[in-house]
Amino acid sequence: MSIDAANPALLGLRWLGGRAPAMDIQGDAAFAADVHWLAEHLRWDIAADLERLFGPAAAHQLARLGGAFDGALKRLLQAGGDLASRLRTARP
């Protein structure tokens, strides 16, 4: 099994956004199907882990802050992608 980690920052942002990384799985088809199912359905419950570390009130605030940060990153990446598209099409 291999995961393309040529751009670790993008890989991390996609993972935080809930998208599974692109994987290449070779060998046993049943194993590949199981890994694919896990990648599609396994999610990290960050709020529960934060609650265990900091308590419910702080975890709620941290989860809200993380959600706002995630939204801002997604908008920034979208704006960067839109700008890159416009620059590619604007070249003579």
Foldseek 3Di string as FASTA:
>chain_A
DDFDCPPVVVCVLCVLVVAFTDDDDDDDPVVVVVVVVCSNPPDDPQLVVVCVVPNNVVSVVVVVVVVVVSVVVVVVVVVVVVVVVVVVVPDD
